[in-house]
Amino acid sequence: MVIVKVEELLKNYENVCILRVRMPISSDLSNPRNFITKISRYEKVVNIPNSMTILDELLPISVEMAKRNLTGIWNFTNPGVVSHNEVLELYREYIDPNYTWKNFDLEEQAKVIVAPRSNNELDTTKLSKEFPEMLPIKESLIKYVFKPNQKTGKA
């Protein structure tokens, strides 16, 4: 994998900061590159927990990291994991109460995707020590993505 090779080359430089972003999510639900926008348009999703990056919360942290001259490799995701179903349940709760989806397993998914997908939880201990105010993934999703886009009567 190219990313792994690039990381391997860059990690030896003292002035480089590598941010590992996973499944980027922003409050702009009209952006076709947004993870939520993508999965909400799929007919079926696989229900697997993953680490994810809430850009609205973490991009300001990246600026602060630059100001502090932080270097090295950083797992740049919110703490914890959230499953595709949990994300879509929040989507239904805050955005579209009529939204539905179906699940399929990894074997079924493998038959319809072009490239294999990785599912994992990245260790955010290092980032959390430096930025203890960072929210866990599900709380960040609600605060930075779903509440600003809320279309239901929920308070």
Foldseek 3Di string as FASTA:
>chain_A
DVVVVVLVVPQPDPQAAAEAADQEAAQPLVDCSHNLVVVLPDQEEAWAKAFHAYCVPQVVVVVVCVVVSDHGYAHRTAPDIGTPVRLVVLCCVFPNVPRDHHYDHPVVVVVPDDDDDDGDYDDHPVVCVVPVVGHHPVVCCVVGHRVVNGDDPDD
